[in-house]
Amino acid sequence: MSDQEIEQLVDRWIAYWDADPPDYEGAEADYLCDMLMPACECDPEVLWCFVRNAYKRNISERHLGLLAAGPLEDLIAYHGPEYIDRIEIEARQNPSFRHLLGGVWRNIADAEVWKRVETLRDKDIW
């Protein structure tokens, strides 16, 4: 997926969650699931790029919570060993990413990966 396609996916994700309430059974929900769920399983690089693009935008705390408890948590849970080094670099360089890590729960993350996440994130866990 190209950088432009990732940006468009983030745009659509933000717009979807801006709806009050979101249409959980509509075409946009299906599209987002079709794009993000396979990425979680088969193409974690898409998920990583999605997270990095989304958190750097001026998004609300609600969006940050959805990003932390969704795509970022999935990335750590399913691909943590492959991505923890990059996650550490991002957290050291960006306080807003450290803040984002505060909204991630362990889920099924590898114990060693989770220890590393805990040392990175803000002490202010949401």
Protein backbone atom coordinates (compact mmCIF):
# COMPACT_ATOMS: atom_id res chain seq x y z
CA MET A 1 0.00 0.00 0.00
CA SER A 2 1.41 3.40 -0.97
CA ASP A 3 1.89 6.34 1.39
CA GLN A 4 -0.98 8.11 -0.33
CA GLU A 5 -3.27 5.11 0.15
CA ILE A 6 -2.33 4.98 3.84
CA GLU A 7 -3.14 8.69 4.19
CA GLN A 8 -6.52 8.14 2.53
CA LEU A 9 -7.21 5.18 4.80
CA VAL A 10 -6.43 7.31 7.85
CA ASP A 11 -8.70 10.07 6.51
CA ARG A 12 -11.55 7.59 6.14
CA TRP A 13 -10.89 6.05 9.56
CA ILE A 14 -11.01 9.47 11.24
CA ALA A 15 -14.18 10.45 9.37
CA TYR A 16 -15.79 7.14 10.30
CA TRP A 17 -15.11 7.63 14.01
CA ASP A 18 -16.24 11.26 13.83
CA ALA A 19 -19.77 10.09 13.04
CA ASP A 20 -22.06 10.09 16.06
CA PRO A 21 -22.75 7.23 16.25
CA PRO A 22 -20.61 5.39 13.69
CA ASP A 23 -22.53 3.10 11.35
CA TYR A 24 -21.13 -0.22 12.55
CA GLU A 25 -22.91 -2.19 9.84
CA GLY A 26 -22.46 0.17 6.90
CA ALA A 27 -20.21 0.03 3.87
CA GLU A 28 -17.55 2.24 5.46
CA ALA A 29 -17.22 -0.08 8.45
CA ASP A 30 -16.84 -3.00 6.06
CA TYR A 31 -14.22 -1.15 4.06
CA LEU A 32 -12.15 -0.27 7.13
CA CYS A 33 -12.34 -3.83 8.42
CA ASP A 34 -11.39 -5.16 5.00
CA MET A 35 -8.33 -2.90 4.95
CA LEU A 36 -7.11 -3.11 8.56
CA MET A 37 -7.91 -6.65 9.65
CA PRO A 38 -5.89 -8.40 6.92
CA ALA A 39 -3.06 -5.94 7.56
CA CYS A 40 -3.03 -7.09 11.17
CA GLU A 41 -2.64 -10.68 10.09
CA CYS A 42 -0.67 -10.56 6.84
CA ASP A 43 0.83 -7.12 6.32
CA PRO A 44 1.82 -5.54 9.62
CA GLU A 45 3.84 -2.89 7.79
CA VAL A 46 0.54 -1.37 6.63
CA LEU A 47 -0.63 -1.31 10.24
CA TRP A 48 2.62 0.31 11.40
CA CYS A 49 2.40 2.99 8.69
CA PHE A 50 -1.28 3.56 9.50
CA VAL A 51 -0.53 4.08 13.22
CA ARG A 52 2.40 6.41 12.52
CA ASN A 53 0.38 8.47 10.07
CA ALA A 54 -2.71 8.68 12.30
CA TYR A 55 -1.12 9.63 15.61
CA LYS A 56 0.89 12.46 14.04
CA ARG A 57 -2.30 14.22 13.00
CA ASN A 58 -4.18 16.61 15.20
CA ILE A 59 -6.72 14.02 16.35
CA SER A 60 -8.91 13.99 19.43
CA GLU A 61 -8.30 11.98 22.59
CA ARG A 62 -11.18 9.75 21.48
CA HIS A 63 -9.36 8.98 18.23
CA LEU A 64 -6.12 8.39 20.15
CA GLY A 65 -7.92 5.91 22.38
CA LEU A 66 -9.35 4.07 19.39
CA LEU A 67 -5.94 4.02 17.72
CA ALA A 68 -4.19 2.76 20.86
CA ALA A 69 -6.75 0.08 21.70
CA GLY A 70 -7.14 -0.98 18.08
CA PRO A 71 -4.40 -0.90 15.45
CA LEU A 72 -1.45 -0.24 17.78
CA GLU A 73 -2.53 -2.84 20.31
CA ASP A 74 -3.03 -5.37 17.49
CA LEU A 75 0.40 -4.61 16.06
CA ILE A 76 2.03 -5.16 19.46
CA ALA A 77 -0.04 -8.26 20.22
CA TYR A 78 0.51 -10.04 16.92
CA HIS A 79 3.80 -8.64 15.66
CA GLY A 80 5.49 -7.20 18.73
CA PRO A 81 8.80 -9.05 18.42
CA GLU A 82 9.26 -7.76 14.86
CA TYR A 83 8.22 -4.18 15.66
CA ILE A 84 9.37 -3.48 19.22
CA ASP A 85 12.66 -1.92 18.10
CA ARG A 86 10.81 0.53 15.85
CA ILE A 87 8.24 1.19 18.57
CA GLU A 88 11.07 2.01 20.98
CA ILE A 89 12.66 4.43 18.52
CA GLU A 90 9.33 6.15 17.84
CA ALA A 91 8.56 6.45 21.56
CA ARG A 92 11.96 7.93 22.34
CA GLN A 93 11.62 10.49 19.56
CA ASN A 94 7.97 11.46 20.04
CA PRO A 95 6.30 12.20 23.37
CA SER A 96 2.90 11.91 21.69
CA PHE A 97 3.69 8.32 20.74
CA ARG A 98 4.68 7.57 24.34
CA HIS A 99 1.31 8.99 25.34
CA LEU A 100 -0.41 6.79 22.75
CA LEU A 101 1.26 3.70 24.26
CA GLY A 102 -0.53 4.51 27.52
CA GLY A 103 -3.80 3.41 25.91
CA VAL A 104 -2.53 -0.01 24.86
CA TRP A 105 -3.42 -3.08 26.91
CA ARG A 106 -1.27 -6.18 26.93
CA ASN A 107 -3.77 -8.37 25.11
CA ILE A 108 -1.72 -11.41 23.95
CA ALA A 109 1.58 -9.58 23.57
CA ASP A 110 4.75 -11.52 24.26
CA ALA A 111 5.88 -11.02 27.88
CA GLU A 112 9.29 -9.62 26.92
CA VAL A 113 7.77 -7.26 24.37
CA TRP A 114 5.23 -6.10 26.93
CA LYS A 115 7.97 -5.33 29.47
CA ARG A 116 9.64 -3.14 26.89
CA VAL A 117 6.36 -1.37 26.08
CA GLU A 118 5.76 -0.68 29.77
CA THR A 119 9.14 0.99 30.13
CA LEU A 120 8.45 3.20 27.11
CA ARG A 121 5.02 4.55 27.79
CA ASP A 122 4.10 7.50 29.91
CA LYS A 123 3.51 6.63 33.51
CA ASP A 124 0.09 8.20 33.03
CA ILE A 125 -1.73 5.12 31.75
CA TRP A 126 -5.24 5.87 30.60
